[in-house]
Amino acid sequence: MFFASDQANRIANLIYERYGVKPDFPWKDDNGVFRHLDNNKWFSLIMYVKWNALLKDGNTRMVNIMNLKSEEHYDIDGIYPAYHMNHKSWISLALDDTLSDSLIMELVSKSYNLTRKKRRK
């Protein structure tokens, strides 16, 4: 178990099963980066932050969140403009079971495809 929330750990296991990638922890804390094996680019980041980082409401309760590359913006509970990343091309997902594992993995797949090594023509 890498992360505080059950959902974050389930998603980490699903990422490993699908892509063969485990998180690395470059900052020696509980923020885990998932990278492509061939180009080392990030396709996901799981962090442990205060809700206030997403909601800007003063809530100090901690939550695992996942940042993913995305070409779309969503108006869905549990999906927010990216924390600590470019809001135009990244989103943050709350890993508190607000969103289904299947939806999260669909978004992980999109992020994985957006960040994979580009083929030369």
C-alpha atoms as a PDB file:
ATOM      1  CA  MET A   1       0.000   0.000   0.000  1.00  0.00           C
ATOM      2  CA  PHE A   2       1.512   3.262  -1.178  1.00  0.00           C
ATOM      3  CA  PHE A   3      -1.177   5.814  -0.372  1.00  0.00           C
ATOM      4  CA  ALA A   4      -3.530   6.905   2.423  1.00  0.00           C
ATOM      5  CA  SER A   5      -6.839   6.181   0.665  1.00  0.00           C
ATOM      6  CA  ASP A   6      -8.144   2.779  -0.383  1.00  0.00           C
ATOM      7  CA  GLN A   7      -9.176   4.129  -3.774  1.00  0.00           C
ATOM      8  CA  ALA A   8      -5.705   5.551  -4.452  1.00  0.00           C
ATOM      9  CA  ASN A   9      -4.210   2.128  -3.722  1.00  0.00           C
ATOM     10  CA  ARG A  10      -6.788   0.343  -5.893  1.00  0.00           C
ATOM     11  CA  ILE A  11      -6.050   2.701  -8.783  1.00  0.00           C
ATOM     12  CA  ALA A  12      -2.276   2.254  -8.323  1.00  0.00           C
ATOM     13  CA  ASN A  13      -2.810  -1.516  -8.564  1.00  0.00           C
ATOM     14  CA  LEU A  14      -4.969  -1.148 -11.679  1.00  0.00           C
ATOM     15  CA  ILE A  15      -2.308   1.053 -13.308  1.00  0.00           C
ATOM     16  CA  TYR A  16       0.300  -1.605 -12.543  1.00  0.00           C
ATOM     17  CA  GLU A  17      -1.913  -4.369 -13.965  1.00  0.00           C
ATOM     18  CA  ARG A  18      -2.650  -2.416 -17.156  1.00  0.00           C
ATOM     19  CA  TYR A  19       0.661  -0.625 -17.811  1.00  0.00           C
ATOM     20  CA  GLY A  20       3.251  -2.442 -15.671  1.00  0.00           C
ATOM     21  CA  VAL A  21       4.107   0.813 -13.891  1.00  0.00           C
ATOM     22  CA  LYS A  22       4.483   1.377 -10.150  1.00  0.00           C
ATOM     23  CA  PRO A  23       4.694   4.878  -8.677  1.00  0.00           C
ATOM     24  CA  ASP A  24       8.042   6.406  -7.873  1.00  0.00           C
ATOM     25  CA  PHE A  25       8.454   8.957  -5.111  1.00  0.00           C
ATOM     26  CA  PRO A  26      10.922  11.614  -6.294  1.00  0.00           C
ATOM     27  CA  TRP A  27      10.318  13.928  -3.338  1.00  0.00           C
ATOM     28  CA  LYS A  28      10.716  11.195  -0.684  1.00  0.00           C
ATOM     29  CA  ASP A  29       7.179  11.845   0.558  1.00  0.00           C
ATOM     30  CA  ASP A  30       3.771  10.344  -0.196  1.00  0.00           C
ATOM     31  CA  ASN A  31       3.399  11.959  -3.640  1.00  0.00           C
ATOM     32  CA  GLY A  32       3.743   9.218  -6.262  1.00  0.00           C
ATOM     33  CA  VAL A  33       4.490   9.734  -9.952  1.00  0.00           C
ATOM     34  CA  PHE A  34       3.484   7.262 -12.654  1.00  0.00           C
ATOM     35  CA  ARG A  35       5.749   7.454 -15.710  1.00  0.00           C
ATOM     36  CA  HIS A  36       5.908   5.857 -19.126  1.00  0.00           C
ATOM     37  CA  LEU A  37       8.517   3.122 -19.250  1.00  0.00           C
ATOM     38  CA  ASP A  38       9.887   4.237 -22.646  1.00  0.00           C
ATOM     39  CA  ASN A  39      10.124   8.028 -22.304  1.00  0.00           C
ATOM     40  CA  ASN A  40       9.892   8.617 -18.533  1.00  0.00           C
ATOM     41  CA  LYS A  41       7.095  11.198 -19.042  1.00  0.00           C
ATOM     42  CA  TRP A  42       4.499  11.509 -16.304  1.00  0.00           C
ATOM     43  CA  PHE A  43       0.975  10.417 -17.090  1.00  0.00           C
ATOM     44  CA  SER A  44      -0.300  10.565 -13.513  1.00  0.00           C
ATOM     45  CA  LEU A  45       0.581  11.942 -10.102  1.00  0.00           C
ATOM     46  CA  ILE A  46      -1.081  10.985  -6.821  1.00  0.00           C
ATOM     47  CA  MET A  47      -0.705  13.497  -3.997  1.00  0.00           C
ATOM     48  CA  TYR A  48      -1.947  13.825  -0.426  1.00  0.00           C
ATOM     49  CA  VAL A  49      -3.239  17.377   0.041  1.00  0.00           C
ATOM     50  CA  LYS A  50      -5.744  19.409   2.021  1.00  0.00           C
ATOM     51  CA  TRP A  51      -9.174  19.730   0.394  1.00  0.00           C
ATOM     52  CA  ASN A  52      -8.543  23.471   0.390  1.00  0.00           C
ATOM     53  CA  ALA A  53      -5.992  22.956  -2.400  1.00  0.00           C
ATOM     54  CA  LEU A  54      -8.907  22.051  -4.701  1.00  0.00           C
ATOM     55  CA  LEU A  55     -11.925  23.758  -3.174  1.00  0.00           C
ATOM     56  CA  LYS A  56     -10.351  26.968  -1.842  1.00  0.00           C
ATOM     57  CA  ASP A  57     -12.765  26.781   1.098  1.00  0.00           C
ATOM     58  CA  GLY A  58     -10.409  26.498   4.076  1.00  0.00           C
ATOM     59  CA  ASN A  59     -11.096  22.761   4.529  1.00  0.00           C
ATOM     60  CA  THR A  60      -8.000  21.245   6.149  1.00  0.00           C
ATOM     61  CA  ARG A  61      -9.074  17.592   5.847  1.00  0.00           C
ATOM     62  CA  MET A  62      -6.536  15.565   3.829  1.00  0.00           C
ATOM     63  CA  VAL A  63      -7.404  13.696   0.623  1.00  0.00           C
ATOM     64  CA  ASN A  64      -5.502  11.760  -2.028  1.00  0.00           C
ATOM     65  CA  ILE A  65      -5.894  13.373  -5.436  1.00  0.00           C
ATOM     66  CA  MET A  66      -4.722  12.295  -8.870  1.00  0.00           C
ATOM     67  CA  ASN A  67      -3.518  14.681 -11.558  1.00  0.00           C
ATOM     68  CA  LEU A  68      -4.022  13.569 -15.154  1.00  0.00           C
ATOM     69  CA  LYS A  69      -3.332  15.132 -18.530  1.00  0.00           C
ATOM     70  CA  SER A  70      -6.611  15.953 -20.256  1.00  0.00           C
ATOM     71  CA  GLU A  71      -7.860  17.734 -23.352  1.00  0.00           C
ATOM     72  CA  GLU A  72     -11.284  18.128 -21.756  1.00  0.00           C
ATOM     73  CA  HIS A  73     -12.658  19.939 -18.744  1.00  0.00           C
ATOM     74  CA  TYR A  74     -15.353  18.225 -16.732  1.00  0.00           C
ATOM     75  CA  ASP A  75     -18.263  19.556 -14.722  1.00  0.00           C
ATOM     76  CA  ILE A  76     -18.495  16.506 -12.471  1.00  0.00           C
ATOM     77  CA  ASP A  77     -18.206  16.244  -8.683  1.00  0.00           C
ATOM     78  CA  GLY A  78     -14.774  14.861  -7.923  1.00  0.00           C
ATOM     79  CA  ILE A  79     -13.010  16.405 -10.954  1.00  0.00           C
ATOM     80  CA  TYR A  80     -11.368  19.817 -10.567  1.00  0.00           C
ATOM     81  CA  PRO A  81      -8.901  22.113 -12.323  1.00  0.00           C
ATOM     82  CA  ALA A  82      -5.462  20.660 -11.700  1.00  0.00           C
ATOM     83  CA  TYR A  83      -3.754  21.384  -8.427  1.00  0.00           C
ATOM     84  CA  HIS A  84      -0.154  22.481  -8.882  1.00  0.00           C
ATOM     85  CA  MET A  85      -0.217  21.869 -12.673  1.00  0.00           C
ATOM     86  CA  ASN A  86      -1.316  23.723 -15.812  1.00  0.00           C
ATOM     87  CA  HIS A  87      -5.115  24.135 -15.562  1.00  0.00           C
ATOM     88  CA  LYS A  88      -5.471  24.082 -19.345  1.00  0.00           C
ATOM     89  CA  SER A  89      -4.043  20.620 -19.874  1.00  0.00           C
ATOM     90  CA  TRP A  90      -4.318  18.801 -16.511  1.00  0.00           C
ATOM     91  CA  ILE A  91      -7.171  17.894 -14.155  1.00  0.00           C
ATOM     92  CA  SER A  92      -7.283  16.711 -10.528  1.00  0.00           C
ATOM     93  CA  LEU A  93      -9.509  13.866  -9.367  1.00  0.00           C
ATOM     94  CA  ALA A  94     -10.495  13.248  -5.750  1.00  0.00           C
ATOM     95  CA  LEU A  95      -9.639   9.663  -4.786  1.00  0.00           C
ATOM     96  CA  ASP A  96     -12.306   9.434  -2.099  1.00  0.00           C
ATOM     97  CA  ASP A  97     -14.746   7.120  -3.955  1.00  0.00           C
ATOM     98  CA  THR A  98     -16.736  10.068  -5.341  1.00  0.00           C
ATOM     99  CA  LEU A  99     -15.745   8.794  -8.811  1.00  0.00           C
ATOM    100  CA  SER A 100     -15.871   5.154  -9.884  1.00  0.00           C
ATOM    101  CA  ASP A 101     -12.641   3.251 -10.418  1.00  0.00           C
ATOM    102  CA  SER A 102     -13.747   2.550 -14.008  1.00  0.00           C
ATOM    103  CA  LEU A 103     -14.198   6.273 -14.798  1.00  0.00           C
ATOM    104  CA  ILE A 104     -10.834   7.078 -13.222  1.00  0.00           C
ATOM    105  CA  MET A 105      -9.126   4.362 -15.268  1.00  0.00           C
ATOM    106  CA  GLU A 106     -10.798   5.682 -18.428  1.00  0.00           C
ATOM    107  CA  LEU A 107      -9.272   9.096 -17.661  1.00  0.00           C
ATOM    108  CA  VAL A 108      -5.905   7.475 -16.808  1.00  0.00           C
ATOM    109  CA  SER A 109      -5.976   5.795 -20.227  1.00  0.00           C
ATOM    110  CA  LYS A 110      -6.592   9.136 -21.942  1.00  0.00           C
ATOM    111  CA  SER A 111      -3.728  10.724 -20.003  1.00  0.00           C
ATOM    112  CA  TYR A 112      -1.463   7.791 -20.830  1.00  0.00           C
ATOM    113  CA  ASN A 113      -2.210   8.187 -24.538  1.00  0.00           C
ATOM    114  CA  LEU A 114      -1.744  11.970 -24.467  1.00  0.00           C
ATOM    115  CA  THR A 115       1.696  11.656 -22.875  1.00  0.00           C
ATOM    116  CA  ARG A 116       3.112   8.648 -24.701  1.00  0.00           C
ATOM    117  CA  LYS A 117       6.054   8.841 -27.041  1.00  0.00           C
ATOM    118  CA  LYS A 118       5.121  10.467 -30.319  1.00  0.00           C
ATOM    119  CA  ARG A 119       5.759   8.463 -33.449  1.00  0.00           C
ATOM    120  CA  ARG A 120       7.750  10.097 -36.200  1.00  0.00           C
ATOM    121  CA  LYS A 121       6.074  10.276 -39.567  1.00  0.00           C
END
